[in-house]
N, C-alpha and C. Protein backbone atom coordinates (compact mmCIF):
# COMPACT_ATOMS: atom_id res chain seq x y z
N MET A 1 -286.00 112.93 0.44
CA MET A 1 -285.12 114.12 0.54
C MET A 1 -285.81 115.21 0.90
N ASN A 2 -285.47 116.28 1.51
CA ASN A 2 -286.12 117.42 1.70
C ASN A 2 -285.49 118.63 0.70
N ILE A 3 -286.39 119.54 0.46
CA ILE A 3 -285.91 120.57 -0.73
C ILE A 3 -284.35 121.16 -0.42
N LYS A 4 -284.22 121.47 0.90
CA LYS A 4 -283.17 122.32 1.43
C LYS A 4 -281.84 121.37 0.96
N LYS A 5 -281.92 120.10 1.22
CA LYS A 5 -280.92 119.33 0.91
C LYS A 5 -280.85 119.27 -0.51
N TYR A 6 -281.97 119.19 -1.28
CA TYR A 6 -281.82 119.15 -2.71
C TYR A 6 -281.13 120.55 -3.38
N GLN A 7 -281.44 121.49 -2.64
CA GLN A 7 -280.98 122.76 -3.07
C GLN A 7 -279.48 122.75 -2.98
N GLU A 8 -279.00 122.19 -1.82
CA GLU A 8 -277.61 122.01 -1.88
C GLU A 8 -276.87 121.07 -2.67
N LEU A 9 -277.42 120.16 -3.34
CA LEU A 9 -276.94 119.08 -4.07
C LEU A 9 -276.84 119.43 -5.61
N ALA A 10 -278.07 120.12 -5.83
CA ALA A 10 -278.39 120.41 -7.33
C ALA A 10 -277.34 121.23 -8.14
N PRO A 11 -276.68 122.04 -7.48
CA PRO A 11 -275.47 122.71 -8.08
C PRO A 11 -274.44 122.23 -8.84
N ASN A 12 -274.04 121.06 -8.02
CA ASN A 12 -273.33 119.98 -8.20
C ASN A 12 -272.89 119.68 -9.96
N THR A 13 -274.13 119.62 -10.38
CA THR A 13 -274.04 119.22 -11.97
C THR A 13 -274.19 120.29 -13.02
N LEU A 14 -274.36 121.68 -12.45
CA LEU A 14 -274.25 122.88 -12.91
C LEU A 14 -272.83 122.99 -13.91
N ASN A 15 -273.17 123.50 -15.33
CA ASN A 15 -271.85 123.70 -16.06
C ASN A 15 -271.15 125.00 -15.47
N LYS A 16 -270.04 124.66 -14.60
CA LYS A 16 -269.37 125.78 -13.72
C LYS A 16 -268.36 126.51 -14.85
N ASP A 17 -268.30 126.11 -16.55
CA ASP A 17 -267.62 126.80 -17.36
C ASP A 17 -268.60 128.03 -18.15
N LEU A 18 -269.64 128.18 -17.66
CA LEU A 18 -270.47 129.00 -18.17
C LEU A 18 -270.40 130.45 -17.30
N THR A 19 -270.50 131.52 -17.78
CA THR A 19 -270.60 132.78 -16.96
C THR A 19 -272.11 132.61 -15.81
N TYR A 20 -271.98 133.76 -15.07
CA TYR A 20 -273.15 133.83 -14.19
C TYR A 20 -274.48 133.97 -15.10
N THR A 21 -274.05 134.88 -15.94
CA THR A 21 -275.55 135.23 -16.96
C THR A 21 -275.76 134.08 -17.83
N MET A 22 -275.10 133.25 -18.40
CA MET A 22 -275.53 132.10 -19.29
C MET A 22 -275.78 130.91 -18.33
N GLN A 23 -275.51 130.85 -17.21
CA GLN A 23 -275.93 129.91 -16.19
C GLN A 23 -277.37 130.19 -15.94
N LEU A 24 -277.84 131.48 -15.62
CA LEU A 24 -279.20 131.92 -15.41
C LEU A 24 -280.13 131.41 -16.89
N LEU A 25 -279.55 131.88 -18.09
CA LEU A 25 -280.08 131.46 -19.18
C LEU A 25 -280.34 130.02 -19.28
N ASN A 26 -279.28 129.54 -19.06
CA ASN A 26 -279.32 128.30 -19.18
C ASN A 26 -280.40 127.33 -18.16
N CYS A 27 -280.80 127.82 -17.11
CA CYS A 27 -281.64 127.36 -16.09
C CYS A 27 -283.20 127.77 -16.47
N VAL A 28 -283.04 129.06 -17.10
CA VAL A 28 -284.34 129.38 -17.66
C VAL A 28 -284.94 128.79 -18.77
N CYS A 29 -283.94 128.50 -19.66
CA CYS A 29 -284.36 127.60 -21.22
C CYS A 29 -284.54 126.26 -20.63
N GLY A 30 -283.77 125.62 -19.76
CA GLY A 30 -283.91 124.30 -19.01
C GLY A 30 -285.19 124.04 -18.70
N LEU A 31 -285.93 125.16 -17.77
CA LEU A 31 -287.07 125.15 -17.17
C LEU A 31 -288.23 125.08 -18.28
N ALA A 32 -287.93 125.94 -19.16
CA ALA A 32 -289.17 126.06 -20.31
C ALA A 32 -288.99 124.69 -20.93
N GLY A 33 -287.83 124.14 -21.25
CA GLY A 33 -287.71 122.71 -21.94
C GLY A 33 -288.51 121.77 -21.13
N GLU A 34 -288.02 121.68 -19.89
CA GLU A 34 -288.35 120.23 -19.21
C GLU A 34 -290.15 120.40 -19.10
N GLY A 35 -290.49 121.87 -18.52
CA GLY A 35 -291.90 121.95 -18.34
C GLY A 35 -292.44 121.59 -19.61
N GLY A 36 -291.90 121.99 -20.87
CA GLY A 36 -292.77 121.58 -22.06
C GLY A 36 -292.71 120.17 -22.20
N GLU A 37 -291.77 119.12 -21.71
CA GLU A 37 -291.64 117.56 -21.82
C GLU A 37 -293.00 117.21 -20.84
N VAL A 38 -293.33 117.65 -19.82
CA VAL A 38 -294.26 117.16 -18.93
C VAL A 38 -295.51 117.69 -19.62
N ALA A 39 -295.74 118.64 -20.26
CA ALA A 39 -296.80 119.12 -21.01
C ALA A 39 -297.13 118.06 -22.21
N ASP A 40 -296.00 117.94 -22.76
CA ASP A 40 -295.97 116.78 -24.09
C ASP A 40 -296.72 115.50 -23.66
N ILE A 41 -295.97 114.98 -22.38
CA ILE A 41 -296.75 113.55 -21.96
C ILE A 41 -297.99 113.91 -21.97
N ILE A 42 -298.83 114.51 -21.21
CA ILE A 42 -300.01 114.80 -20.82
C ILE A 42 -300.69 115.09 -21.95
N LYS A 43 -300.04 115.73 -23.19
CA LYS A 43 -300.87 116.37 -24.35
C LYS A 43 -300.95 114.93 -25.10
N LYS A 44 -300.08 113.81 -25.12
CA LYS A 44 -300.10 112.51 -25.87
C LYS A 44 -301.11 111.81 -25.01
N HIS A 45 -301.32 111.84 -23.86
CA HIS A 45 -302.10 110.82 -23.06
C HIS A 45 -303.80 111.30 -23.50
N MET A 46 -303.78 112.84 -23.36
CA MET A 46 -305.18 113.60 -23.56
C MET A 46 -305.72 113.25 -24.90
N PHE A 47 -304.55 113.46 -26.07
CA PHE A 47 -305.33 113.72 -27.06
C PHE A 47 -304.81 112.65 -28.25
N GLN A 48 -303.81 111.74 -27.89
CA GLN A 48 -303.17 110.70 -28.92
C GLN A 48 -303.30 109.52 -28.31
N ASN A 49 -304.15 109.21 -27.33
CA ASN A 49 -304.43 107.85 -26.82
C ASN A 49 -303.09 107.39 -26.39
N HIS A 50 -302.25 107.98 -25.85
CA HIS A 50 -301.12 107.36 -25.07
C HIS A 50 -301.35 106.97 -23.82
N ILE A 51 -300.81 105.68 -23.08
CA ILE A 51 -301.19 105.39 -21.87
C ILE A 51 -300.35 106.60 -20.99
N LEU A 52 -301.00 107.18 -19.61
CA LEU A 52 -300.28 108.24 -19.14
C LEU A 52 -299.06 107.58 -18.40
N ASP A 53 -297.89 107.83 -18.68
CA ASP A 53 -296.66 107.60 -18.27
C ASP A 53 -296.25 108.41 -17.11
N VAL A 54 -296.78 108.01 -15.96
CA VAL A 54 -296.42 108.57 -14.52
C VAL A 54 -295.12 108.61 -14.10
N ASP A 55 -294.14 107.38 -14.59
CA ASP A 55 -293.02 107.22 -14.10
C ASP A 55 -292.23 108.22 -15.00
N HIS A 56 -292.42 108.62 -16.10
CA HIS A 56 -291.81 109.31 -17.12
C HIS A 56 -291.93 111.10 -16.45
N ILE A 57 -293.34 111.07 -16.24
CA ILE A 57 -293.87 112.51 -15.65
C ILE A 57 -292.81 112.85 -14.33
N GLU A 58 -292.76 111.81 -13.51
CA GLU A 58 -292.03 111.80 -12.33
C GLU A 58 -290.21 112.16 -12.74
N GLU A 59 -289.93 111.74 -13.53
CA GLU A 59 -288.41 112.21 -14.12
C GLU A 59 -288.35 113.42 -14.52
N GLU A 60 -289.44 113.73 -15.36
CA GLU A 60 -289.29 115.11 -16.05
C GLU A 60 -289.65 116.22 -14.79
N ILE A 61 -290.56 115.99 -13.90
CA ILE A 61 -290.38 116.88 -12.85
C ILE A 61 -289.37 116.95 -12.15
N GLY A 62 -288.72 116.13 -11.83
CA GLY A 62 -287.28 116.09 -11.26
C GLY A 62 -286.38 117.00 -12.06
N ASP A 63 -286.50 116.92 -13.34
CA ASP A 63 -285.72 117.82 -14.35
C ASP A 63 -286.25 119.22 -14.40
N VAL A 64 -287.67 119.53 -14.10
CA VAL A 64 -287.83 120.57 -13.71
C VAL A 64 -287.30 121.41 -12.49
N MET A 65 -287.34 120.41 -11.36
CA MET A 65 -286.78 120.61 -9.96
C MET A 65 -285.44 121.47 -9.90
N PHE A 66 -284.59 120.51 -10.61
CA PHE A 66 -283.30 121.11 -10.84
C PHE A 66 -283.27 122.54 -11.39
N TYR A 67 -283.78 122.57 -12.51
CA TYR A 67 -283.69 123.95 -12.86
C TYR A 67 -284.31 124.90 -11.81
N ILE A 68 -285.38 124.64 -11.36
CA ILE A 68 -285.72 126.00 -10.37
C ILE A 68 -284.96 125.91 -9.47
N CYS A 69 -284.45 124.91 -8.79
CA CYS A 69 -283.73 125.01 -7.58
C CYS A 69 -282.04 125.61 -8.07
N ASN A 70 -281.73 125.48 -9.20
CA ASN A 70 -280.52 126.18 -9.59
C ASN A 70 -280.71 127.76 -9.70
N LEU A 71 -281.89 128.06 -10.37
CA LEU A 71 -282.12 129.25 -10.74
C LEU A 71 -282.35 130.00 -9.31
N ALA A 72 -282.96 129.45 -8.49
CA ALA A 72 -283.00 129.98 -7.25
C ALA A 72 -281.63 130.28 -6.39
N THR A 73 -280.71 129.32 -6.47
CA THR A 73 -279.53 129.37 -5.90
C THR A 73 -278.60 130.25 -6.59
N LEU A 74 -279.00 130.48 -7.96
CA LEU A 74 -277.95 131.48 -8.63
C LEU A 74 -278.45 132.84 -8.34
N LEU A 75 -279.66 132.92 -7.91
CA LEU A 75 -280.16 134.15 -7.49
C LEU A 75 -280.11 134.57 -6.09
N GLU A 76 -279.62 133.49 -5.28
CA GLU A 76 -279.43 133.67 -3.91
C GLU A 76 -280.53 133.49 -2.93
N LEU A 77 -281.87 133.05 -3.72
CA LEU A 77 -282.92 132.55 -2.89
C LEU A 77 -283.11 131.45 -2.47
N ASN A 78 -283.64 131.23 -1.46
CA ASN A 78 -283.82 130.09 -0.57
C ASN A 78 -285.05 129.26 -1.01
N MET A 79 -285.06 127.91 -1.47
CA MET A 79 -286.24 127.42 -1.98
C MET A 79 -287.10 127.11 -0.62
N GLU A 80 -286.78 126.68 0.46
CA GLU A 80 -287.85 126.77 1.81
C GLU A 80 -288.59 128.27 1.81
N THR A 81 -288.09 129.30 1.73
CA THR A 81 -288.61 130.56 1.72
C THR A 81 -289.73 130.58 0.55
N ILE A 82 -288.93 130.22 -0.58
CA ILE A 82 -290.04 130.43 -1.75
C ILE A 82 -291.10 129.88 -1.46
N LEU A 83 -291.02 128.42 -1.03
CA LEU A 83 -292.27 127.70 -0.94
C LEU A 83 -293.10 128.25 0.28
N GLU A 84 -292.66 128.50 1.19
CA GLU A 84 -293.21 129.47 2.59
C GLU A 84 -294.19 130.61 2.04
N LYS A 85 -293.59 131.45 1.23
CA LYS A 85 -294.30 132.49 0.72
C LYS A 85 -295.19 132.23 -0.46
N ASN A 86 -294.96 131.00 -0.97
CA ASN A 86 -296.05 130.89 -1.89
C ASN A 86 -297.31 130.36 -1.16
N ILE A 87 -297.02 129.50 -0.37
CA ILE A 87 -298.35 128.73 0.35
C ILE A 87 -299.02 130.11 1.11
N LYS A 88 -298.18 130.93 1.76
CA LYS A 88 -298.85 132.13 2.56
C LYS A 88 -299.70 132.98 1.41
N LYS A 89 -299.42 133.23 0.25
CA LYS A 89 -299.99 133.88 -0.97
C LYS A 89 -301.27 133.33 -1.30
N LEU A 90 -300.89 131.85 -1.39
CA LEU A 90 -302.18 131.02 -1.76
C LEU A 90 -303.29 130.93 -0.90
N ALA A 91 -302.83 130.81 0.40
CA ALA A 91 -303.70 130.88 1.54
C ALA A 91 -304.53 132.12 1.67
N LYS A 92 -303.90 133.22 1.35
CA LYS A 92 -304.64 134.69 1.46
C LYS A 92 -305.37 134.68 -0.02
N ARG A 93 -305.04 134.24 -1.06
CA ARG A 93 -305.93 134.41 -2.35
C ARG A 93 -307.02 133.71 -2.19
N TYR A 94 -306.82 132.28 -1.53
CA TYR A 94 -308.16 131.08 -1.36
C TYR A 94 -308.14 130.64 -0.17
N PRO A 95 -308.69 131.67 0.96
CA PRO A 95 -308.47 131.14 2.37
C PRO A 95 -309.40 130.15 2.50
N LYS A 96 -310.48 129.71 1.60
CA LYS A 96 -311.34 128.45 1.78
C LYS A 96 -311.01 127.50 1.05
N GLY A 97 -309.99 127.60 0.35
CA GLY A 97 -309.38 126.72 -0.97
C GLY A 97 -309.89 127.35 -1.90
N PHE A 98 -309.57 126.49 -3.06
CA PHE A 98 -309.65 127.24 -4.55
C PHE A 98 -311.23 127.34 -4.60
N GLU A 99 -311.54 128.58 -5.12
CA GLU A 99 -312.75 129.07 -5.94
C GLU A 99 -312.92 129.78 -7.11
N SER A 100 -313.56 129.25 -7.81
CA SER A 100 -313.32 129.85 -9.26
C SER A 100 -313.82 131.43 -9.15
N GLU A 101 -315.08 131.83 -8.45
CA GLU A 101 -315.25 133.05 -8.52
C GLU A 101 -313.96 134.18 -7.79
N ARG A 102 -313.21 133.55 -6.83
CA ARG A 102 -311.89 134.34 -6.47
C ARG A 102 -311.04 134.46 -7.37
N SER A 103 -310.91 133.27 -8.17
CA SER A 103 -309.97 133.14 -9.16
C SER A 103 -310.40 134.41 -10.46
N ILE A 104 -311.52 134.23 -10.60
CA ILE A 104 -311.89 135.41 -11.59
C ILE A 104 -311.92 136.71 -11.41
N ASN A 105 -312.29 137.03 -9.93
CA ASN A 105 -312.41 138.37 -9.75
C ASN A 105 -311.56 138.58 -8.39
N ARG A 106 -310.15 138.65 -9.00
CA ARG A 106 -309.11 139.02 -7.68
C ARG A 106 -308.36 140.09 -8.12
């Protein structure tokens, strides 16, 4: 599935009973929560000797994308445009690929 199709389908399961402002807040809180779940899986692997559960991470990344795409949609932003602008910004910041020096002194 491409990002355009995903952005079209993701809003189907948003809570339509919420006001616009509440939907925005729901997406922001959901994004923070799901991102935290990804971090928790990595934390347990790194510091608590859990096996790295890549399938679980994949599922949680999907949840992160749900909130990102719905937030973009609510704000009338296009995910393809967001991704293109991000790649251009990164290419400008790191034209030869990531360099610690450029990261520190930018």
